[in-house]
Structure formats: structure tokens, C-alpha cells
Amino acid sequence: MKCSISIAGLCLAGMLWGCSSENSTIADTAAREDGKETLVLWSYYETKEQQESLDRLIHDFNTSQGRYRMTWEYHGPVIEFNKKLALALTEKEMPDLIIADQSNMQAYIRKGLLEDITSYVRYSQKEEEYFACALGSVKSQDCYYGMPFCCSTAALFYNKEKLEKAGIEAPENLHEFVLAAKVLSEGETYGFGMPAASGSQSASSVLPWVISAGDSENVLECDETENFFGVIRELVQSGSMPKECINWSNNDVARSFLAGEIAMMENSMDVLPLLEKSNISTGVIKLPTGGGGNPMAGGENLGILKGKNKSAALAFLDFYLDDQVMEQICGPQFGLAPKKELARKQAEKDSKYKVFEEELENSISMDNYVQWSAVSEKLSEVLVDTILEKQKAGE
């Protein structure tokens, strides 16, 4: 896969980015409304805070210039989002941009859905401002196919009151984690829950435990993976983890946590809005893997669909990637900015971001796994089978 990095290929909105090679694309694909080119973005964002921040971003972009009129459409949750993209075979059915989950980005690149914007990224000369894991998630063979939107990492959330009542501290390693989950399992409450709905998100729930324990390359064959599934098996068999997890998304897990059905949960920053509105005193720590490996980065990216209005989409990227705009969008929707300095400022202002900001500094991204689709499919399959007690030890 070759990267196009000539200056002649650059298309900065209104000036350098208006290439003749793209004018025909605009004429063919961009509908006009009141003399303005229309631009459509798809997202799977579910929470009120995420959707309101996206409304605000689109509104501010539209009022900042007079050439483009942008709208966004909800096509969620993530599994449905992927199906809709797969079914949108003609250009007219496809949006101009998407907000993509990082775990799906490499699959979109391999399928040829996204524009190569390497020239745009290189010309900006701002690559060093971003977390390496964030930029890595939009790269393939040293070419860029999008830009980071918001970042996150997985963490362990726990009900402080339940741990205090049980007389235990937040776990720091796998042994303490298993003991805590068993002690906290009482009555209608399970000790632990995690997102395990079949697909890339459940695989992403497994991966942080494995690579943080030490192995970031041979995921399907390493001892850390077998050990983790052994932990899941033990939790299920001891009644410390509900089998219903196989139907749960991140938000489903958070709702179960708030309902008192689980005392600890693996989740991401996406659920902070739900937790903020509750009366439950919640603690958050890094996943208690007890290992010395690198955590796994998560979050969302912006990608431009091939054959669509590329110059208009790049104008939107220009707008969003401004520090002030990015800061005003990521914070209110409880995400971390992909730029290191902005994320550090968020953590200084609000301590709940500190765990996530520290983890991102050392995180790795999905680009470390060239066969992520195959890896994620297998991890998801084994996780579901383990929870349903179909998978035996060592298989």
C-alpha cells in the first residue's frame, strides 16, 4: 500500500487543499443546499453527553465558515454501525466521514473504505503532539487513514461502599482481583462484570488484561491469555460473574453496576457520564493484571470515506484538530484528548482522568496486530464460550 505524500496532493480547505483531482468528486457526490456543499458524518455515539458534544461540534463548524453545511447521523450501536457500513455499497449511501471505534479502524483500512490522508498529516508537522498509540491506530504501513478523535483506556471501576462493607481494598493483581470478586458476590450481586457481547468490543475487553500482563505479540498462544480465560472460568463457576455478560455492551455493564448487580466492572471512560449522575461512590484504578506490560489504548477516530467529498472533510478535520475546539469537545463527553498536552491539562483539572491519562502515555494501539480481525474474532469466540462454560482449560 503506497502513501501519497506529494505537496501537490495536499488539499487544505479554502487554500492549499482545493486540488483539481477532487473537484470532480465534489461535483459528482456533494449535494448543494443554499449554495453550500453538504457533508454527512456517521457515528454510533449513544450517551447524551456524546451526542450533545457532537451537536455542538457540528454547529460550531457550520457557523465558522460559509462553504459547507454539515450534519451527523446516528447509526448505532457499534455492531449495527459496522453492518450499516458493510451494506452501504454505493457512494450515495455512504457518509463523507465516520467516527470509528479504534478496534475496527484497521479492518476499514484493509477493506479500502478510507482515504489516504498521509499528505495532510505530514504537512501539518504536528505528529509529535499526539499520543503515539492514538496516531498508531489510524496508520497502516506508515500511511495515515484518519485522525484520532477522542481517546480512552480500560480500567477497573468499583463500588467503594461495597468494598468497605466487605473490609477489602481495591485489588492490585489477579490473585487479589479473584478474591475480591468472590467476597463481593453476595445475594443478587456479582463481584465482577465486563462487556462480552460477541464482536470486536468483547475482544477489546480481553486484550488489555493480556498485554498488560506482559505479552503484546503472541496473543492467541501466550500463557497470559490462557491464564486470563482461566480467571474468567473460575469467576463464572464460583458465581462471581454473570453469564448475562455475553449480551452486554459497555453501557449495559455500567447500568448493571449502577443497579447494584455487580460490584466491580471493566469499562472505559465512555461510561463516566452515567456514573456521574448516580449516587454511587465509585473508585477507578488501572486493571489489576499485576504485570509489567503495556496497556491497550481505546477510543474513536475520524475517517474520510473513499470517493466522497475529501476536501470538505479535510476542512472539518482542520476545524476539529484545533486545540481549543478539541478541548471543548473531548472533556464534556468524558473522553481524553488525543493530544498529550491537552490530556495532561484535563487530568490536572479533574482527578478522575488521571488513571486514563497515565495509562495512555504507555499504551499500544491496534496497529500492533496486523491480523486484528482474525485475533479479535477468536478472542471474542473464546470469551463467550468460556463464560458459557463451553471452553475447557487448555483448549
Protein backbone atom coordinates (compact mmCIF):
# COMPACT_ATOMS: atom_id res chain seq x y z
CA MET A 1 0.00 0.00 0.00
CA LYS A 2 1.61 3.25 -1.10
CA CYS A 3 1.24 6.60 0.63
CA SER A 4 0.65 9.69 -1.47
CA ILE A 5 2.76 12.39 0.15
CA SER A 6 3.44 14.92 -2.59
CA ILE A 7 2.65 18.54 -1.81
CA ALA A 8 0.58 18.65 -4.98
CA GLY A 9 -1.77 16.17 -3.34
CA LEU A 10 -2.48 18.37 -0.34
CA CYS A 11 -5.96 19.74 -0.05
CA LEU A 12 -6.28 22.28 2.77
CA ALA A 13 -9.81 23.70 2.82
CA GLY A 14 -10.20 27.00 1.01
CA MET A 15 -6.49 27.23 0.12
CA LEU A 16 -3.89 24.52 -0.39
CA TRP A 17 -6.32 21.60 -0.24
CA GLY A 18 -8.54 22.53 -3.24
CA CYS A 19 -7.00 20.09 -5.78
CA SER A 20 -8.40 19.73 -9.28
CA SER A 21 -8.40 15.94 -8.84
CA GLU A 22 -11.02 16.32 -6.15
CA ASN A 23 -13.19 19.00 -7.77
CA SER A 24 -14.86 16.41 -9.98
CA THR A 25 -15.55 14.26 -6.92
CA ILE A 26 -17.21 17.22 -5.23
CA ALA A 27 -19.33 17.94 -8.28
CA ASP A 28 -20.41 14.31 -8.54
CA THR A 29 -21.05 13.49 -4.89
CA ALA A 30 -21.80 16.64 -2.89
CA ALA A 31 -25.39 17.79 -2.91
CA ARG A 32 -25.88 21.53 -2.71
CA GLU A 33 -28.13 23.28 -0.25
CA ASP A 34 -28.43 27.09 -0.30
CA GLY A 35 -25.24 27.15 -2.35
CA LYS A 36 -23.31 25.17 0.27
CA GLU A 37 -21.74 21.75 -0.12
CA THR A 38 -23.30 19.22 2.22
CA LEU A 39 -21.21 16.98 4.41
CA VAL A 40 -22.51 13.94 6.35
CA LEU A 41 -20.86 12.18 9.29
CA TRP A 42 -21.97 8.86 10.79
CA SER A 43 -21.48 7.99 14.45
CA TYR A 44 -22.54 5.27 16.89
CA TYR A 45 -22.35 7.61 19.91
CA GLU A 46 -25.01 6.59 22.43
CA THR A 47 -24.75 8.74 25.55
CA LYS A 48 -26.45 12.09 25.87
CA GLU A 49 -23.12 13.79 26.54
CA GLN A 50 -21.51 12.30 23.44
CA GLN A 51 -24.41 13.26 21.21
CA GLU A 52 -24.65 16.78 22.63
CA SER A 53 -20.92 17.34 22.13
CA LEU A 54 -21.26 16.18 18.53
CA ASP A 55 -24.24 18.52 18.02
CA ARG A 56 -22.13 21.37 19.34
CA LEU A 57 -19.14 20.47 17.19
CA ILE A 58 -21.21 20.33 14.00
CA HIS A 59 -22.97 23.59 14.84
CA ASP A 60 -19.71 25.39 15.54
CA PHE A 61 -18.15 24.10 12.32
CA ASN A 62 -21.15 25.25 10.28
CA THR A 63 -21.07 28.74 11.78
CA SER A 64 -17.27 29.06 11.44
CA GLN A 65 -17.38 29.13 7.62
CA GLY A 66 -19.83 29.65 4.76
CA ARG A 67 -18.85 26.97 2.25
CA TYR A 68 -20.07 23.74 3.88
CA ARG A 69 -23.19 22.57 5.67
CA MET A 70 -22.57 19.53 7.87
CA THR A 71 -24.95 17.11 9.58
CA TRP A 72 -24.43 13.88 11.52
CA GLU A 73 -26.48 10.71 11.75
CA TYR A 74 -26.74 8.10 14.48
CA HIS A 75 -26.17 4.53 13.30
CA GLY A 76 -25.51 2.63 16.49
CA PRO A 77 -24.66 0.70 18.49
CA VAL A 78 -21.25 -0.37 17.20
CA ILE A 79 -22.31 -3.76 15.81
CA GLU A 80 -25.17 -2.16 13.86
CA PHE A 81 -22.82 0.60 12.72
CA ASN A 82 -20.50 -1.95 11.15
CA LYS A 83 -23.39 -3.75 9.45
CA LYS A 84 -24.69 -0.49 8.00
CA LEU A 85 -21.28 0.37 6.56
CA ALA A 86 -20.97 -3.10 5.06
CA LEU A 87 -24.38 -2.76 3.38
CA ALA A 88 -23.75 0.75 2.05
CA LEU A 89 -22.25 -0.43 -1.23
CA THR A 90 -22.80 2.64 -3.38
CA GLU A 91 -21.22 6.06 -2.86
CA LYS A 92 -24.59 7.74 -2.48
CA GLU A 93 -25.40 5.58 0.54
CA MET A 94 -22.10 6.26 2.26
CA PRO A 95 -21.37 9.27 4.50
CA ASP A 96 -18.41 11.56 3.91
CA LEU A 97 -16.88 10.85 7.31
CA ILE A 98 -17.26 8.36 10.12
CA ILE A 99 -16.40 8.30 13.81
CA ALA A 100 -14.92 4.81 14.04
CA ASP A 101 -14.11 2.71 17.07
CA GLN A 102 -10.35 2.19 17.18
CA SER A 103 -10.83 -1.57 17.33
CA ASN A 104 -12.46 -1.50 13.87
CA MET A 105 -10.14 1.00 12.16
CA GLN A 106 -7.66 -1.50 10.73
CA ALA A 107 -10.48 -3.56 9.22
CA TYR A 108 -11.87 -0.47 7.47
CA ILE A 109 -8.41 0.32 6.11
CA ARG A 110 -7.88 -3.20 4.77
CA LYS A 111 -11.27 -3.13 3.07
CA GLY A 112 -10.25 0.06 1.26
CA LEU A 113 -13.05 2.16 2.75
CA LEU A 114 -10.92 5.09 3.89
CA GLU A 115 -8.96 7.82 2.13
CA ASP A 116 -5.19 8.00 2.47
CA ILE A 117 -4.56 11.40 4.12
CA THR A 118 -0.84 10.96 4.71
CA SER A 119 -0.03 14.18 2.83
CA TYR A 120 -2.37 16.15 5.04
CA VAL A 121 -0.92 14.72 8.28
CA ARG A 122 2.71 15.08 7.24
CA TYR A 123 2.22 18.66 6.07
CA SER A 124 0.74 19.68 9.43
CA GLN A 125 4.01 18.73 11.18
CA LYS A 126 2.11 18.11 14.42
CA GLU A 127 2.51 14.36 14.80
CA GLU A 128 4.63 14.74 17.92
CA GLU A 129 1.73 16.43 19.74
CA TYR A 130 -0.30 13.21 19.82
CA PHE A 131 -0.10 10.08 21.93
CA ALA A 132 1.81 7.51 19.89
CA CYS A 133 -0.95 4.96 20.47
CA ALA A 134 -3.58 7.37 19.13
CA LEU A 135 -1.72 8.07 15.89
CA GLY A 136 -0.82 4.40 15.58
CA SER A 137 -4.49 3.46 15.48
CA VAL A 138 -5.02 5.39 12.22
CA LYS A 139 -1.89 4.11 10.47
CA SER A 140 -1.19 1.18 8.21
CA GLN A 141 2.22 0.59 6.60
CA ASP A 142 3.27 4.10 7.64
CA CYS A 143 0.29 5.72 5.88
CA TYR A 144 -2.47 7.67 7.63
CA TYR A 145 -6.15 6.88 7.03
CA GLY A 146 -7.74 9.16 9.61
CA MET A 147 -7.06 11.21 12.72
CA PRO A 148 -7.75 10.46 16.39
CA PHE A 149 -10.99 11.92 17.75
CA CYS A 150 -11.10 11.04 21.46
CA CYS A 151 -9.08 8.54 23.49
CA SER A 152 -9.70 6.18 26.37
CA THR A 153 -8.31 3.08 28.05
CA ALA A 154 -9.92 0.29 30.01
CA ALA A 155 -9.94 0.47 33.81
CA LEU A 156 -11.46 -1.29 36.80
CA PHE A 157 -14.35 0.59 38.39
CA TYR A 158 -15.53 -0.46 41.84
CA ASN A 159 -18.29 0.39 44.28
CA LYS A 160 -16.45 1.94 47.23
CA GLU A 161 -19.25 1.25 49.69
CA LYS A 162 -19.40 -2.46 48.83
CA LEU A 163 -15.63 -2.86 49.20
CA GLU A 164 -15.64 -1.02 52.52
CA LYS A 165 -18.52 -3.16 53.78
CA ALA A 166 -16.61 -6.29 52.80
CA GLY A 167 -13.50 -4.97 54.50
CA ILE A 168 -11.25 -5.22 51.44
CA GLU A 169 -9.06 -2.87 49.41
CA ALA A 170 -9.16 -2.36 45.66
CA PRO A 171 -7.22 -5.26 44.07
CA GLU A 172 -3.73 -4.71 42.68
CA ASN A 173 -3.11 -8.06 40.96
CA LEU A 174 -5.04 -11.00 39.52
CA HIS A 175 -4.94 -13.02 42.75
CA GLU A 176 -6.43 -10.15 44.78
CA PHE A 177 -8.92 -9.47 41.98
CA VAL A 178 -10.31 -13.01 42.04
CA LEU A 179 -10.54 -13.00 45.84
CA ALA A 180 -12.30 -9.62 45.82
CA ALA A 181 -14.81 -10.75 43.17
CA LYS A 182 -15.68 -13.82 45.26
CA VAL A 183 -16.01 -11.87 48.52
CA LEU A 184 -18.18 -9.22 46.86
CA SER A 185 -20.54 -11.81 45.36
CA GLU A 186 -23.45 -11.84 47.75
CA GLY A 187 -27.20 -12.19 47.30
CA GLU A 188 -28.22 -10.60 43.99
CA THR A 189 -24.80 -9.00 43.49
CA TYR A 190 -22.00 -10.49 41.41
CA GLY A 191 -18.42 -9.50 42.16
CA PHE A 192 -17.44 -8.61 38.60
CA GLY A 193 -18.88 -7.87 35.16
CA MET A 194 -17.40 -6.94 31.78
CA PRO A 195 -18.55 -6.18 28.22
CA ALA A 196 -18.61 -9.56 26.48
CA ALA A 197 -21.11 -9.17 23.62
CA SER A 198 -19.73 -11.00 20.60
CA GLY A 199 -17.55 -8.82 18.36
CA SER A 200 -14.54 -6.54 18.43
CA GLN A 201 -15.58 -4.79 21.65
CA SER A 202 -15.54 -8.02 23.67
CA ALA A 203 -12.13 -8.85 22.20
CA SER A 204 -11.00 -5.39 23.24
CA SER A 205 -12.15 -6.25 26.76
CA VAL A 206 -9.81 -9.25 26.84
CA LEU A 207 -6.76 -7.69 25.24
CA PRO A 208 -5.87 -5.15 27.98
CA TRP A 209 -5.59 -7.93 30.58
CA VAL A 210 -3.34 -9.99 28.35
CA ILE A 211 -0.91 -7.40 27.04
CA SER A 212 -0.74 -5.54 30.36
CA ALA A 213 0.40 -8.81 31.90
CA GLY A 214 3.37 -8.91 29.57
CA ASP A 215 2.68 -10.31 26.09
CA SER A 216 1.74 -7.87 23.33
CA GLU A 217 2.56 -10.01 20.30
CA ASN A 218 1.53 -13.67 20.50
CA VAL A 219 -1.91 -13.03 21.93
CA LEU A 220 -3.61 -16.22 20.77
CA GLU A 221 -0.87 -18.50 22.05
CA CYS A 222 0.61 -16.81 25.11
CA ASP A 223 0.33 -18.02 28.70
CA GLU A 224 -1.21 -14.69 29.75
CA THR A 225 -4.23 -15.31 27.54
CA GLU A 226 -4.76 -18.81 28.91
CA ASN A 227 -4.36 -17.51 32.46
CA PHE A 228 -6.93 -14.78 31.89
CA PHE A 229 -9.53 -17.16 30.50
CA GLY A 230 -8.80 -19.41 33.47
CA VAL A 231 -9.69 -16.45 35.74
CA ILE A 232 -12.95 -15.86 33.83
CA ARG A 233 -13.77 -19.56 34.11
CA GLU A 234 -13.17 -19.51 37.86
CA LEU A 235 -15.32 -16.39 38.33
CA VAL A 236 -18.22 -17.88 36.38
CA GLN A 237 -18.05 -21.26 38.12
CA SER A 238 -17.91 -19.64 41.56
CA GLY A 239 -20.94 -17.46 40.79
CA SER A 240 -18.86 -14.27 40.87
CA MET A 241 -19.58 -13.21 37.28
CA PRO A 242 -22.94 -13.32 35.46
CA LYS A 243 -23.30 -15.25 32.22
CA GLU A 244 -25.53 -12.43 31.00
CA CYS A 245 -22.29 -10.54 30.23
CA ILE A 246 -22.31 -12.14 26.79
CA ASN A 247 -25.15 -9.77 25.89
CA TRP A 248 -23.69 -6.64 27.47
CA SER A 249 -22.12 -3.58 25.86
CA ASN A 250 -20.08 -1.04 27.86
CA ASN A 251 -23.23 0.89 28.76
CA ASP A 252 -25.11 -2.29 29.69
CA VAL A 253 -22.32 -3.19 32.12
CA ALA A 254 -22.42 0.32 33.61
CA ARG A 255 -26.19 0.14 34.11
CA SER A 256 -25.82 -3.22 35.85
CA PHE A 257 -23.13 -1.68 38.08
CA LEU A 258 -25.38 1.24 38.98
CA ALA A 259 -28.26 -1.15 39.70
CA GLY A 260 -26.09 -2.92 42.27
CA GLU A 261 -25.99 -6.12 40.25
CA ILE A 262 -22.18 -6.11 40.00
CA ALA A 263 -19.66 -4.63 42.45
CA MET A 264 -16.69 -4.21 40.09
CA MET A 265 -16.57 -3.77 36.33
CA GLU A 266 -14.13 -3.43 33.49
CA ASN A 267 -15.10 -0.43 31.43
CA SER A 268 -13.86 2.67 29.63
CA MET A 269 -14.26 6.41 30.04
CA ASP A 270 -17.41 6.25 27.90
CA VAL A 271 -19.46 5.32 30.96
CA LEU A 272 -18.33 8.22 33.15
CA PRO A 273 -21.47 10.26 32.29
CA LEU A 274 -23.70 7.50 33.68
CA LEU A 275 -21.59 7.21 36.83
CA GLU A 276 -21.52 10.97 37.37
CA LYS A 277 -25.31 11.11 37.56
CA SER A 278 -25.58 8.37 40.18
CA ASN A 279 -25.34 8.46 43.96
CA ILE A 280 -22.86 5.59 43.99
CA SER A 281 -19.37 6.38 45.22
CA THR A 282 -17.14 4.90 42.55
CA GLY A 283 -13.41 4.26 42.58
CA VAL A 284 -11.33 3.69 39.45
CA ILE A 285 -7.93 2.04 39.13
CA LYS A 286 -5.88 0.53 36.34
CA LEU A 287 -6.72 -3.10 35.55
CA PRO A 288 -5.15 -5.30 38.27
CA THR A 289 -3.18 -7.52 35.90
CA GLY A 290 -0.13 -7.44 38.15
CA GLY A 291 2.10 -7.47 35.08
CA GLY A 292 4.57 -5.03 33.59
CA GLY A 293 3.31 -4.87 30.01
CA ASN A 294 1.73 -2.02 28.11
CA PRO A 295 -1.97 -1.25 28.43
CA MET A 296 -4.24 -1.14 25.37
CA ALA A 297 -5.48 2.19 24.04
CA GLY A 298 -9.08 2.72 23.02
CA GLY A 299 -11.27 5.50 21.74
CA GLU A 300 -12.54 6.78 18.42
CA ASN A 301 -11.06 8.02 15.16
CA LEU A 302 -12.26 10.22 12.32
CA GLY A 303 -12.05 8.65 8.88
CA ILE A 304 -12.93 10.00 5.43
CA LEU A 305 -14.74 7.60 3.11
CA LYS A 306 -13.19 6.97 -0.29
CA GLY A 307 -14.82 8.69 -3.25
CA LYS A 308 -16.67 11.21 -1.12
CA ASN A 309 -16.12 14.94 -0.52
CA LYS A 310 -12.50 14.76 0.62
CA SER A 311 -11.67 18.48 0.55
CA ALA A 312 -14.76 19.32 2.62
CA ALA A 313 -13.94 16.53 5.06
CA LEU A 314 -10.38 17.85 5.43
CA ALA A 315 -11.81 21.28 6.19
CA PHE A 316 -13.74 19.66 9.06
CA LEU A 317 -10.57 17.92 10.27
CA ASP A 318 -8.79 21.30 10.24
CA PHE A 319 -11.53 22.70 12.44
CA TYR A 320 -11.69 19.84 14.93
CA LEU A 321 -7.94 19.40 15.36
CA ASP A 322 -7.57 22.95 16.66
CA ASP A 323 -6.57 22.71 20.34
CA GLN A 324 -9.39 24.86 21.67
CA VAL A 325 -12.07 23.00 19.72
CA MET A 326 -10.72 19.58 20.66
CA GLU A 327 -10.55 20.50 24.34
CA GLN A 328 -14.14 21.77 24.32
CA ILE A 329 -15.41 18.55 22.73
CA CYS A 330 -13.46 15.76 24.46
CA GLY A 331 -13.90 17.00 28.03
CA PRO A 332 -17.70 17.38 28.12
CA GLN A 333 -18.23 13.95 26.57
CA PHE A 334 -15.86 12.36 29.12
CA GLY A 335 -13.11 11.43 26.68
CA LEU A 336 -9.42 12.27 26.70
CA ALA A 337 -7.98 14.49 24.00
CA PRO A 338 -5.56 12.57 21.76
CA LYS A 339 -3.02 15.37 22.14
CA LYS A 340 -0.68 14.77 25.09
CA GLU A 341 -0.64 18.30 26.47
CA LEU A 342 -4.42 18.69 26.30
CA ALA A 343 -4.94 15.33 28.06
CA ARG A 344 -2.49 16.36 30.78
CA LYS A 345 -4.48 19.55 31.37
CA GLN A 346 -7.71 17.51 31.62
CA ALA A 347 -6.12 15.27 34.28
CA GLU A 348 -4.92 18.29 36.24
CA LYS A 349 -8.42 19.80 36.25
CA ASP A 350 -10.25 16.58 37.14
CA SER A 351 -8.58 13.73 39.04
CA LYS A 352 -10.86 11.05 37.58
CA TYR A 353 -8.99 11.43 34.29
CA LYS A 354 -5.59 10.78 35.87
CA VAL A 355 -5.65 6.98 35.65
CA PHE A 356 -6.60 7.10 31.99
CA GLU A 357 -4.07 9.80 31.10
CA GLU A 358 -1.22 7.89 32.76
CA GLU A 359 -2.19 4.66 31.01
CA LEU A 360 -2.38 6.31 27.58
CA GLU A 361 1.20 7.52 27.85
CA ASN A 362 2.42 3.91 27.70
CA SER A 363 -0.39 2.29 25.73
CA ILE A 364 -0.15 0.44 22.44
CA SER A 365 -2.76 0.54 19.70
CA MET A 366 -4.49 -1.89 17.38
CA ASP A 367 -1.92 -1.31 14.65
CA ASN A 368 0.32 -3.71 16.61
CA TYR A 369 -1.91 -6.52 15.35
CA VAL A 370 -1.79 -6.84 11.57
CA GLN A 371 -4.32 -9.68 11.78
CA TRP A 372 -6.57 -7.94 14.30
CA SER A 373 -9.79 -9.11 12.63
CA ALA A 374 -8.79 -12.75 13.00
CA VAL A 375 -7.40 -12.18 16.50
CA SER A 376 -10.49 -10.31 17.70
CA GLU A 377 -12.86 -12.90 16.25
CA LYS A 378 -11.04 -15.71 18.05
CA LEU A 379 -10.74 -13.84 21.38
CA SER A 380 -14.44 -12.94 21.28
CA GLU A 381 -15.40 -16.54 20.49
CA VAL A 382 -13.28 -17.98 23.31
CA LEU A 383 -14.54 -15.39 25.81
CA VAL A 384 -18.19 -16.23 25.09
CA ASP A 385 -17.51 -19.97 25.17
CA THR A 386 -15.63 -19.62 28.47
CA ILE A 387 -18.45 -17.66 30.09
CA LEU A 388 -20.99 -20.21 28.85
CA GLU A 389 -18.64 -22.95 30.14
CA LYS A 390 -18.18 -24.47 26.69
CA GLN A 391 -14.44 -23.84 26.68
CA LYS A 392 -12.33 -26.10 28.86
CA ALA A 393 -8.95 -25.31 30.35
CA GLY A 394 -6.09 -25.54 27.86
CA GLU A 395 -8.29 -25.52 24.75
